Amino acid sequence: MLLYRYLPATAAIKTIESRHFRVSRIMELNDPFEWSFGFDGSRPERIADDRRERDELIQQSNEKWGVLCFCEVFKDPVMWSHYADRHRGLVIEIEANVHDDAYHKVLYSRRPIIQQRWLGDREKHTEELKGVFSEFFRFKAPSWNYEREWRAVVPLDKCDVAEGMFLWRIPDNFITRLIIGIRSLVKPDDLRRSLDAHGFKGVQAVKAMESLKHYEIEC
């Protein structure tokens, strides 16, 4: 399946030159509801403790896992505006094996909920808790559904580290195409030379265009 990563121009060029994607940390994601579950049955006197336990679990996940975020489409002008520097950036097209257990389609629906009593007796409710914890990172609020996101969950201990960032090395034949935004100052010939110089000779470099009929990006 082809997926797309929207980036500002500088970040996209750095990705090519380093042959690494920057891995997003859970605690740095722009939505505080990310990787977070709600409670049902929490008593008023337990609210502070429930939040603390929930935050501790998120912090534990933050220390072990990161995410790579992709989109199903490159044609959406809103995505270009929000994540590719208002069409001045680039989109990196990748070919992903979405049947790999690392890839997950984000679901824009209910918030994952656990019963407060499950935390009170974890040994008795191991299966219920495991079911929530195994999927709570896949859910986002319905208002995010324009992103049509897929995410790859990456173990941080499998990443390279540089300048305080976790980096995931791009395997051969993973990137298939780079799409230059309609307002980008990046020149296709310059991008072609950079791709060739860093081992991406088979990767296409194309310029995006505004559709004359629809609210879409073409190339």
C-alpha atoms as a PDB file:
ATOM      1  CA  MET A   1       0.000   0.000   0.000  1.00  0.00           C
ATOM      2  CA  LEU A   2       1.263   3.491  -0.819  1.00  0.00           C
ATOM      3  CA  LEU A   3       1.333   5.875   2.135  1.00  0.00           C
ATOM      4  CA  TYR A   4       2.475   9.467   2.408  1.00  0.00           C
ATOM      5  CA  ARG A   5       4.488  11.509   4.885  1.00  0.00           C
ATOM      6  CA  TYR A   6       4.007  15.283   4.743  1.00  0.00           C
ATOM      7  CA  LEU A   7       7.005  17.380   5.758  1.00  0.00           C
ATOM      8  CA  PRO A   8       8.386  20.910   5.503  1.00  0.00           C
ATOM      9  CA  ALA A   9      11.071  21.155   2.826  1.00  0.00           C
ATOM     10  CA  THR A  10      14.018  21.328   5.236  1.00  0.00           C
ATOM     11  CA  ALA A  11      12.834  18.257   7.157  1.00  0.00           C
ATOM     12  CA  ALA A  12      12.219  16.308   3.944  1.00  0.00           C
ATOM     13  CA  ILE A  13      15.697  17.071   2.581  1.00  0.00           C
ATOM     14  CA  LYS A  14      17.252  16.130   5.929  1.00  0.00           C
ATOM     15  CA  THR A  15      15.321  12.858   5.824  1.00  0.00           C
ATOM     16  CA  ILE A  16      16.840  12.038   2.437  1.00  0.00           C
ATOM     17  CA  GLU A  17      20.363  13.082   3.361  1.00  0.00           C
ATOM     18  CA  SER A  18      20.366  11.142   6.632  1.00  0.00           C
ATOM     19  CA  ARG A  19      18.349   8.182   5.288  1.00  0.00           C
ATOM     20  CA  HIS A  20      16.310   8.290   8.489  1.00  0.00           C
ATOM     21  CA  PHE A  21      12.782   9.234   9.491  1.00  0.00           C
ATOM     22  CA  ARG A  22      12.461  11.131  12.757  1.00  0.00           C
ATOM     23  CA  VAL A  23      10.365   9.119  15.206  1.00  0.00           C
ATOM     24  CA  SER A  24       7.632  11.005  17.072  1.00  0.00           C
ATOM     25  CA  ARG A  25       7.582  10.578  20.841  1.00  0.00           C
ATOM     26  CA  ILE A  26       4.235   9.861  22.450  1.00  0.00           C
ATOM     27  CA  MET A  27       4.458  12.696  24.990  1.00  0.00           C
ATOM     28  CA  GLU A  28       5.291  15.182  22.206  1.00  0.00           C
ATOM     29  CA  LEU A  29       2.253  14.477  20.006  1.00  0.00           C
ATOM     30  CA  ASN A  30       0.061  17.529  19.482  1.00  0.00           C
ATOM     31  CA  ASP A  31      -3.108  15.981  20.923  1.00  0.00           C
ATOM     32  CA  PRO A  32      -3.063  15.320  24.714  1.00  0.00           C
ATOM     33  CA  PHE A  33      -5.696  12.608  24.181  1.00  0.00           C
ATOM     34  CA  GLU A  34      -3.189  10.524  22.180  1.00  0.00           C
ATOM     35  CA  TRP A  35      -2.387   7.139  23.719  1.00  0.00           C
ATOM     36  CA  SER A  36      -4.764   8.058  26.515  1.00  0.00           C
ATOM     37  CA  PHE A  37      -7.805   6.142  27.716  1.00  0.00           C
ATOM     38  CA  GLY A  38     -10.811   7.258  29.714  1.00  0.00           C
ATOM     39  CA  PHE A  39     -12.347   5.853  32.885  1.00  0.00           C
ATOM     40  CA  ASP A  40     -15.812   4.619  33.683  1.00  0.00           C
ATOM     41  CA  GLY A  41     -16.922   4.262  37.288  1.00  0.00           C
ATOM     42  CA  SER A  42     -14.239   6.504  38.756  1.00  0.00           C
ATOM     43  CA  ARG A  43     -15.383   7.758  42.157  1.00  0.00           C
ATOM     44  CA  PRO A  44     -14.822  11.462  42.980  1.00  0.00           C
ATOM     45  CA  GLU A  45     -12.297  10.593  45.682  1.00  0.00           C
ATOM     46  CA  ARG A  46     -10.369   8.433  43.174  1.00  0.00           C
ATOM     47  CA  ILE A  47     -10.151  10.866  40.236  1.00  0.00           C
ATOM     48  CA  ALA A  48      -6.701  12.231  41.088  1.00  0.00           C
ATOM     49  CA  ASP A  49      -5.291   8.731  41.666  1.00  0.00           C
ATOM     50  CA  ASP A  50      -6.858   7.411  38.453  1.00  0.00           C
ATOM     51  CA  ARG A  51      -5.317  10.220  36.415  1.00  0.00           C
ATOM     52  CA  ARG A  52      -1.937   9.620  38.045  1.00  0.00           C
ATOM     53  CA  GLU A  53      -2.031   5.886  37.261  1.00  0.00           C
ATOM     54  CA  ARG A  54      -3.106   6.603  33.686  1.00  0.00           C
ATOM     55  CA  ASP A  55      -0.310   9.161  33.228  1.00  0.00           C
ATOM     56  CA  GLU A  56       2.251   6.717  34.623  1.00  0.00           C
ATOM     57  CA  LEU A  57       1.186   4.110  32.064  1.00  0.00           C
ATOM     58  CA  ILE A  58       1.495   6.652  29.241  1.00  0.00           C
ATOM     59  CA  GLN A  59       4.950   7.653  30.477  1.00  0.00           C
ATOM     60  CA  GLN A  60       6.012   3.996  30.506  1.00  0.00           C
ATOM     61  CA  SER A  61       4.857   3.690  26.884  1.00  0.00           C
ATOM     62  CA  ASN A  62       6.697   6.916  26.009  1.00  0.00           C
ATOM     63  CA  GLU A  63       9.957   5.392  27.206  1.00  0.00           C
ATOM     64  CA  LYS A  64       9.562   2.264  25.050  1.00  0.00           C
ATOM     65  CA  TRP A  65       7.726   3.259  21.872  1.00  0.00           C
ATOM     66  CA  GLY A  66       7.584   5.935  19.212  1.00  0.00           C
ATOM     67  CA  VAL A  67       5.471   6.376  16.085  1.00  0.00           C
ATOM     68  CA  LEU A  68       5.872   7.127  12.396  1.00  0.00           C
ATOM     69  CA  CYS A  69       2.784   8.833  11.011  1.00  0.00           C
ATOM     70  CA  PHE A  70       1.580   8.524   7.412  1.00  0.00           C
ATOM     71  CA  CYS A  71      -1.498   9.452   5.394  1.00  0.00           C
ATOM     72  CA  GLU A  72      -3.460   7.390   2.875  1.00  0.00           C
ATOM     73  CA  VAL A  73      -3.503  10.160   0.243  1.00  0.00           C
ATOM     74  CA  PHE A  74      -1.310  12.904  -1.206  1.00  0.00           C
ATOM     75  CA  LYS A  75      -4.143  14.785  -2.941  1.00  0.00           C
ATOM     76  CA  ASP A  76      -5.669  16.526   0.071  1.00  0.00           C
ATOM     77  CA  PRO A  77      -4.812  20.270   0.035  1.00  0.00           C
ATOM     78  CA  VAL A  78      -5.664  20.578   3.743  1.00  0.00           C
ATOM     79  CA  MET A  79      -2.976  18.051   4.649  1.00  0.00           C
ATOM     80  CA  TRP A  80      -0.474  19.982   2.555  1.00  0.00           C
ATOM     81  CA  SER A  81      -1.495  23.178   4.355  1.00  0.00           C
ATOM     82  CA  HIS A  82      -1.247  21.707   7.848  1.00  0.00           C
ATOM     83  CA  TYR A  83       1.762  19.393   7.579  1.00  0.00           C
ATOM     84  CA  ALA A  84       3.816  20.459   4.549  1.00  0.00           C
ATOM     85  CA  ASP A  85       4.329  24.127   5.359  1.00  0.00           C
ATOM     86  CA  ARG A  86       1.334  25.449   3.431  1.00  0.00           C
ATOM     87  CA  HIS A  87       2.304  23.655   0.216  1.00  0.00           C
ATOM     88  CA  ARG A  88       5.925  24.803   0.435  1.00  0.00           C
ATOM     89  CA  GLY A  89       7.109  21.409   1.677  1.00  0.00           C
ATOM     90  CA  LEU A  90       7.275  17.927   0.206  1.00  0.00           C
ATOM     91  CA  VAL A  91       5.468  14.623   0.513  1.00  0.00           C
ATOM     92  CA  ILE A  92       7.427  11.393   0.723  1.00  0.00           C
ATOM     93  CA  GLU A  93       5.624   8.429  -0.805  1.00  0.00           C
ATOM     94  CA  ILE A  94       6.448   5.045   0.679  1.00  0.00           C
ATOM     95  CA  GLU A  95       5.397   1.498  -0.111  1.00  0.00           C
ATOM     96  CA  ALA A  96       4.456  -0.134   3.180  1.00  0.00           C
ATOM     97  CA  ASN A  97       3.498  -3.678   4.022  1.00  0.00           C
ATOM     98  CA  VAL A  98       0.430  -2.725   6.033  1.00  0.00           C
ATOM     99  CA  HIS A  99      -0.119  -6.379   6.917  1.00  0.00           C
ATOM    100  CA  ASP A 100       2.984  -6.093   9.082  1.00  0.00           C
ATOM    101  CA  ASP A 101       2.027  -5.968  12.762  1.00  0.00           C
ATOM    102  CA  ALA A 102       3.876  -2.656  13.094  1.00  0.00           C
ATOM    103  CA  TYR A 103       1.316  -0.769  10.950  1.00  0.00           C
ATOM    104  CA  HIS A 104      -2.062   0.315  12.261  1.00  0.00           C
ATOM    105  CA  LYS A 105      -4.904   2.215  10.645  1.00  0.00           C
ATOM    106  CA  VAL A 106      -6.080   4.942  13.004  1.00  0.00           C
ATOM    107  CA  LEU A 107      -9.744   4.698  14.011  1.00  0.00           C
ATOM    108  CA  TYR A 108     -11.673   7.917  14.543  1.00  0.00           C
ATOM    109  CA  SER A 109     -14.407   6.773  16.849  1.00  0.00           C
ATOM    110  CA  ARG A 110     -14.996   6.081  20.520  1.00  0.00           C
ATOM    111  CA  ARG A 111     -12.448   6.828  23.190  1.00  0.00           C
ATOM    112  CA  PRO A 112     -10.964   3.657  24.726  1.00  0.00           C
ATOM    113  CA  ILE A 113     -12.506   3.203  28.175  1.00  0.00           C
ATOM    114  CA  ILE A 114     -11.425   1.098  31.113  1.00  0.00           C
ATOM    115  CA  GLN A 115     -13.480   0.357  34.193  1.00  0.00           C
ATOM    116  CA  GLN A 116     -11.974   1.808  37.355  1.00  0.00           C
ATOM    117  CA  ARG A 117     -12.549  -1.487  39.138  1.00  0.00           C
ATOM    118  CA  TRP A 118     -10.199  -3.182  36.647  1.00  0.00           C
ATOM    119  CA  LEU A 119      -7.301  -1.118  37.983  1.00  0.00           C
ATOM    120  CA  GLY A 120      -8.352  -1.872  41.533  1.00  0.00           C
ATOM    121  CA  ASP A 121      -8.012  -5.605  40.920  1.00  0.00           C
ATOM    122  CA  ARG A 122      -5.568  -5.936  38.023  1.00  0.00           C
ATOM    123  CA  GLU A 123      -4.860  -9.636  38.478  1.00  0.00           C
ATOM    124  CA  LYS A 124      -8.536 -10.492  38.136  1.00  0.00           C
ATOM    125  CA  HIS A 125      -9.035  -8.257  35.090  1.00  0.00           C
ATOM    126  CA  THR A 126      -5.802  -8.904  33.209  1.00  0.00           C
ATOM    127  CA  GLU A 127      -7.553  -9.839  29.961  1.00  0.00           C
ATOM    128  CA  GLU A 128      -9.816  -6.787  29.953  1.00  0.00           C
ATOM    129  CA  LEU A 129      -6.887  -4.445  30.580  1.00  0.00           C
ATOM    130  CA  LYS A 130      -4.739  -6.190  27.973  1.00  0.00           C
ATOM    131  CA  GLY A 131      -7.500  -5.731  25.391  1.00  0.00           C
ATOM    132  CA  VAL A 132      -7.621  -1.966  25.972  1.00  0.00           C
ATOM    133  CA  PHE A 133      -3.856  -1.485  26.190  1.00  0.00           C
ATOM    134  CA  SER A 134      -3.260  -3.405  22.960  1.00  0.00           C
ATOM    135  CA  GLU A 135      -5.371  -0.962  20.924  1.00  0.00           C
ATOM    136  CA  PHE A 136      -5.716   2.359  22.737  1.00  0.00           C
ATOM    137  CA  PHE A 137      -2.958   3.949  20.617  1.00  0.00           C
ATOM    138  CA  ARG A 138      -5.080   3.394  17.476  1.00  0.00           C
ATOM    139  CA  PHE A 139      -7.893   5.745  18.446  1.00  0.00           C
ATOM    140  CA  LYS A 140      -8.235   9.490  17.867  1.00  0.00           C
ATOM    141  CA  ALA A 141     -11.107  11.930  18.183  1.00  0.00           C
ATOM    142  CA  PRO A 142     -13.476  11.901  15.167  1.00  0.00           C
ATOM    143  CA  SER A 143     -12.556  15.499  14.283  1.00  0.00           C
ATOM    144  CA  TRP A 144      -9.082  14.250  13.261  1.00  0.00           C
ATOM    145  CA  ASN A 145     -10.499  11.956  10.581  1.00  0.00           C
ATOM    146  CA  TYR A 146      -9.397  14.214   7.703  1.00  0.00           C
ATOM    147  CA  GLU A 147      -5.841  12.935   8.332  1.00  0.00           C
ATOM    148  CA  ARG A 148      -6.706   9.377   7.211  1.00  0.00           C
ATOM    149  CA  GLU A 149      -3.731   8.280   9.224  1.00  0.00           C
ATOM    150  CA  TRP A 150      -1.758   5.074   9.355  1.00  0.00           C
ATOM    151  CA  ARG A 151       0.921   4.768  11.972  1.00  0.00           C
ATOM    152  CA  ALA A 152       3.853   2.474  12.496  1.00  0.00           C
ATOM    153  CA  VAL A 153       4.730   1.766  16.117  1.00  0.00           C
ATOM    154  CA  VAL A 154       8.507   1.687  16.507  1.00  0.00           C
ATOM    155  CA  PRO A 155      10.489   0.271  19.462  1.00  0.00           C
ATOM    156  CA  LEU A 156      12.860   3.006  20.593  1.00  0.00           C
ATOM    157  CA  ASP A 157      15.603   0.504  21.359  1.00  0.00           C
ATOM    158  CA  LYS A 158      15.691  -0.351  17.633  1.00  0.00           C
ATOM    159  CA  CYS A 159      16.271   3.286  16.632  1.00  0.00           C
ATOM    160  CA  ASP A 160      19.423   5.300  16.085  1.00  0.00           C
ATOM    161  CA  VAL A 161      19.857   8.362  18.299  1.00  0.00           C
ATOM    162  CA  ALA A 162      21.273  11.733  17.213  1.00  0.00           C
ATOM    163  CA  GLU A 163      20.882  15.241  18.634  1.00  0.00           C
ATOM    164  CA  GLY A 164      18.437  13.973  21.238  1.00  0.00           C
ATOM    165  CA  MET A 165      16.119  12.467  18.605  1.00  0.00           C
ATOM    166  CA  PHE A 166      15.207   8.878  17.827  1.00  0.00           C
ATOM    167  CA  LEU A 167      15.690   8.032  14.150  1.00  0.00           C
ATOM    168  CA  TRP A 168      14.400   5.075  12.130  1.00  0.00           C
ATOM    169  CA  ARG A 169      16.666   4.011   9.285  1.00  0.00           C
ATOM    170  CA  ILE A 170      14.922   3.927   5.900  1.00  0.00           C
ATOM    171  CA  PRO A 171      15.306   0.501   4.269  1.00  0.00           C
ATOM    172  CA  ASP A 172      16.095   0.045   0.603  1.00  0.00           C
ATOM    173  CA  ASN A 173      13.143   0.309  -1.810  1.00  0.00           C
ATOM    174  CA  PHE A 174      10.931   1.824   0.890  1.00  0.00           C
ATOM    175  CA  ILE A 175      10.599   5.316  -0.623  1.00  0.00           C
ATOM    176  CA  THR A 176       9.066   5.337  -4.098  1.00  0.00           C
ATOM    177  CA  ARG A 177       8.500   9.016  -4.886  1.00  0.00           C
ATOM    178  CA  LEU A 178       8.958  12.579  -3.615  1.00  0.00           C
ATOM    179  CA  ILE A 179       6.278  15.130  -4.455  1.00  0.00           C
ATOM    180  CA  ILE A 180       7.286  18.792  -4.376  1.00  0.00           C
ATOM    181  CA  GLY A 181       4.609  21.209  -3.151  1.00  0.00           C
ATOM    182  CA  ILE A 182       3.057  23.680  -5.566  1.00  0.00           C
ATOM    183  CA  ARG A 183       4.546  26.627  -3.620  1.00  0.00           C
ATOM    184  CA  SER A 184       7.874  24.947  -2.848  1.00  0.00           C
ATOM    185  CA  LEU A 185      11.133  26.587  -3.820  1.00  0.00           C
ATOM    186  CA  VAL A 186      12.813  23.174  -4.077  1.00  0.00           C
ATOM    187  CA  LYS A 187      13.880  22.575  -7.680  1.00  0.00           C
ATOM    188  CA  PRO A 188      13.248  19.109  -9.139  1.00  0.00           C
ATOM    189  CA  ASP A 189      16.782  18.943 -10.601  1.00  0.00           C
ATOM    190  CA  ASP A 190      18.349  19.766  -7.215  1.00  0.00           C
ATOM    191  CA  LEU A 191      16.174  17.174  -5.497  1.00  0.00           C
ATOM    192  CA  ARG A 192      17.119  14.616  -8.144  1.00  0.00           C
ATOM    193  CA  ARG A 193      20.824  15.184  -7.449  1.00  0.00           C
ATOM    194  CA  SER A 194      20.276  14.810  -3.712  1.00  0.00           C
ATOM    195  CA  LEU A 195      18.343  11.575  -4.189  1.00  0.00           C
ATOM    196  CA  ASP A 196      21.055  10.137  -6.434  1.00  0.00           C
ATOM    197  CA  ALA A 197      23.815  11.176  -4.052  1.00  0.00           C
ATOM    198  CA  HIS A 198      22.216   9.428  -1.075  1.00  0.00           C
ATOM    199  CA  GLY A 199      21.289   6.101  -2.604  1.00  0.00           C
ATOM    200  CA  PHE A 200      17.766   6.820  -3.872  1.00  0.00           C
ATOM    201  CA  LYS A 201      18.386   6.578  -7.617  1.00  0.00           C
ATOM    202  CA  GLY A 202      15.164   4.676  -8.252  1.00  0.00           C
ATOM    203  CA  VAL A 203      12.999   7.245  -6.463  1.00  0.00           C
ATOM    204  CA  GLN A 204      10.963   9.620  -8.616  1.00  0.00           C
ATOM    205  CA  ALA A 205      10.927  13.387  -7.994  1.00  0.00           C
ATOM    206  CA  VAL A 206       7.809  15.133  -9.302  1.00  0.00           C
ATOM    207  CA  LYS A 207       6.180  18.547  -8.978  1.00  0.00           C
ATOM    208  CA  ALA A 208       2.667  18.857  -7.558  1.00  0.00           C
ATOM    209  CA  MET A 209       0.009  20.773  -9.484  1.00  0.00           C
ATOM    210  CA  GLU A 210      -3.336  22.260  -8.587  1.00  0.00           C
ATOM    211  CA  SER A 211      -6.253  20.375 -10.116  1.00  0.00           C
ATOM    212  CA  LEU A 212      -8.283  22.511 -12.522  1.00  0.00           C
ATOM    213  CA  LYS A 213     -11.513  20.691 -11.637  1.00  0.00           C
ATOM    214  CA  HIS A 214     -11.395  19.623  -7.999  1.00  0.00           C
ATOM    215  CA  TYR A 215     -10.013  20.651  -4.612  1.00  0.00           C
ATOM    216  CA  GLU A 216      -7.151  18.224  -5.132  1.00  0.00           C
ATOM    217  CA  ILE A 217      -3.417  18.088  -5.726  1.00  0.00           C
ATOM    218  CA  GLU A 218      -2.221  16.336  -8.872  1.00  0.00           C
ATOM    219  CA  CYS A 219       1.207  15.290 -10.121  1.00  0.00           C
END
